[in-house]
Amino acid sequence: MAAFMGPRVTEQVHRKSERDMLPLDYQAFNRVHHGGKVRTQDVESMRHCLVEGRRQGRRMTALESLLARLDAHEKAGDH
């Protein structure tokens, strides 16, 4: 796919999307959608999986470790 979707094709796809979505500001939408919004949803999903896994009695050590590292990273202001 990387060979097919080189820079030229990628540009064409995005320019077409930008035209097709008018009057929506495609660039502004992408900044919001692919910025903090998606990250927040991903973290919420992982936290939900941790709660659900614990509820089912599963060991969730890898996810616990990952979320602890994320919490420490955010607490240190490294995000």
C-alpha atoms as a PDB file:
ATOM      1  CA  MET A   1       0.000   0.000   0.000  1.00  0.00           C
ATOM      2  CA  ALA A   2       2.884   2.362   0.763  1.00  0.00           C
ATOM      3  CA  ALA A   3       4.158   1.989  -2.794  1.00  0.00           C
ATOM      4  CA  PHE A   4       0.740   2.828  -4.216  1.00  0.00           C
ATOM      5  CA  MET A   5      -0.090   5.636  -1.787  1.00  0.00           C
ATOM      6  CA  GLY A   6       2.975   7.762  -2.375  1.00  0.00           C
ATOM      7  CA  PRO A   7       3.042  11.513  -1.765  1.00  0.00           C
ATOM      8  CA  ARG A   8       1.345  12.399  -5.059  1.00  0.00           C
ATOM      9  CA  VAL A   9      -1.607  10.027  -4.592  1.00  0.00           C
ATOM     10  CA  THR A  10      -1.963  11.005  -0.934  1.00  0.00           C
ATOM     11  CA  GLU A  11      -2.116  14.671  -1.917  1.00  0.00           C
ATOM     12  CA  GLN A  12      -4.748  13.938  -4.569  1.00  0.00           C
ATOM     13  CA  VAL A  13      -6.896  12.014  -2.083  1.00  0.00           C
ATOM     14  CA  HIS A  14      -6.759  14.824   0.462  1.00  0.00           C
ATOM     15  CA  ARG A  15      -7.383  17.590  -2.071  1.00  0.00           C
ATOM     16  CA  LYS A  16     -10.434  15.713  -3.394  1.00  0.00           C
ATOM     17  CA  SER A  17     -11.726  15.203   0.146  1.00  0.00           C
ATOM     18  CA  GLU A  18     -11.190  18.882   0.879  1.00  0.00           C
ATOM     19  CA  ARG A  19     -13.236  19.880  -2.194  1.00  0.00           C
ATOM     20  CA  ASP A  20     -15.959  17.288  -1.575  1.00  0.00           C
ATOM     21  CA  MET A  21     -16.451  18.374   2.041  1.00  0.00           C
ATOM     22  CA  LEU A  22     -16.915  22.078   1.399  1.00  0.00           C
ATOM     23  CA  PRO A  23     -18.082  24.166   3.186  1.00  0.00           C
ATOM     24  CA  LEU A  24     -16.599  22.087   6.032  1.00  0.00           C
ATOM     25  CA  ASP A  25     -13.059  23.225   6.839  1.00  0.00           C
ATOM     26  CA  TYR A  26     -11.335  19.887   6.212  1.00  0.00           C
ATOM     27  CA  GLN A  27      -8.007  20.965   7.704  1.00  0.00           C
ATOM     28  CA  ALA A  28      -9.625  22.269  10.899  1.00  0.00           C
ATOM     29  CA  PHE A  29     -11.665  19.075  11.180  1.00  0.00           C
ATOM     30  CA  ASN A  30      -8.521  16.935  10.907  1.00  0.00           C
ATOM     31  CA  ARG A  31      -6.714  19.012  13.535  1.00  0.00           C
ATOM     32  CA  VAL A  32      -9.546  18.350  16.007  1.00  0.00           C
ATOM     33  CA  HIS A  33     -10.319  14.786  15.002  1.00  0.00           C
ATOM     34  CA  HIS A  34      -6.743  13.549  14.843  1.00  0.00           C
ATOM     35  CA  GLY A  35      -5.518  15.691  17.708  1.00  0.00           C
ATOM     36  CA  GLY A  36      -6.612  15.385  21.288  1.00  0.00           C
ATOM     37  CA  LYS A  37     -10.061  13.953  20.548  1.00  0.00           C
ATOM     38  CA  VAL A  38      -8.870  10.600  19.228  1.00  0.00           C
ATOM     39  CA  ARG A  39      -6.158  10.316  21.892  1.00  0.00           C
ATOM     40  CA  THR A  40      -8.720  10.962  24.624  1.00  0.00           C
ATOM     41  CA  GLN A  41     -11.049   8.330  23.165  1.00  0.00           C
ATOM     42  CA  ASP A  42      -8.213   5.789  22.964  1.00  0.00           C
ATOM     43  CA  VAL A  43      -7.190   6.331  26.592  1.00  0.00           C
ATOM     44  CA  GLU A  44     -10.811   6.120  27.758  1.00  0.00           C
ATOM     45  CA  SER A  45     -11.184   2.867  25.836  1.00  0.00           C
ATOM     46  CA  MET A  46      -8.075   1.403  27.476  1.00  0.00           C
ATOM     47  CA  ARG A  47      -9.302   2.424  30.945  1.00  0.00           C
ATOM     48  CA  HIS A  48     -12.673   0.818  30.203  1.00  0.00           C
ATOM     49  CA  CYS A  49     -10.912  -2.392  29.089  1.00  0.00           C
ATOM     50  CA  LEU A  50      -8.930  -2.426  32.334  1.00  0.00           C
ATOM     51  CA  VAL A  51     -12.079  -2.111  34.449  1.00  0.00           C
ATOM     52  CA  GLU A  52     -13.897  -4.742  32.423  1.00  0.00           C
ATOM     53  CA  GLY A  53     -10.947  -7.144  32.498  1.00  0.00           C
ATOM     54  CA  ARG A  54     -10.641  -6.818  36.267  1.00  0.00           C
ATOM     55  CA  ARG A  55     -14.392  -7.372  36.605  1.00  0.00           C
ATOM     56  CA  GLN A  56     -13.957 -10.646  34.724  1.00  0.00           C
ATOM     57  CA  GLY A  57     -11.092 -11.657  36.998  1.00  0.00           C
ATOM     58  CA  ARG A  58      -8.429 -11.355  34.323  1.00  0.00           C
ATOM     59  CA  ARG A  59      -4.853 -10.337  34.972  1.00  0.00           C
ATOM     60  CA  MET A  60      -4.329  -7.009  33.258  1.00  0.00           C
ATOM     61  CA  THR A  61      -0.681  -6.402  34.165  1.00  0.00           C
ATOM     62  CA  ALA A  62       0.468  -5.112  30.777  1.00  0.00           C
ATOM     63  CA  LEU A  63      -2.422  -2.662  30.469  1.00  0.00           C
ATOM     64  CA  GLU A  64      -2.014  -1.590  34.102  1.00  0.00           C
ATOM     65  CA  SER A  65       1.662  -0.902  33.431  1.00  0.00           C
ATOM     66  CA  LEU A  66       0.924   1.022  30.258  1.00  0.00           C
ATOM     67  CA  LEU A  67      -1.694   3.209  31.930  1.00  0.00           C
ATOM     68  CA  ALA A  68       0.573   3.819  34.946  1.00  0.00           C
ATOM     69  CA  ARG A  69       3.314   4.992  32.583  1.00  0.00           C
ATOM     70  CA  LEU A  70       0.813   7.244  30.810  1.00  0.00           C
ATOM     71  CA  ASP A  71      -0.352   8.717  34.129  1.00  0.00           C
ATOM     72  CA  ALA A  72       3.253   9.392  35.188  1.00  0.00           C
ATOM     73  CA  HIS A  73       4.007  10.950  31.821  1.00  0.00           C
ATOM     74  CA  GLU A  74       0.984  13.260  32.060  1.00  0.00           C
ATOM     75  CA  LYS A  75       1.694  14.130  35.691  1.00  0.00           C
ATOM     76  CA  ALA A  76       5.226  15.161  34.712  1.00  0.00           C
ATOM     77  CA  GLY A  77       3.762  17.411  32.018  1.00  0.00           C
ATOM     78  CA  ASP A  78       5.439  15.530  29.177  1.00  0.00           C
ATOM     79  CA  HIS A  79       2.371  15.379  26.942  1.00  0.00           C
END
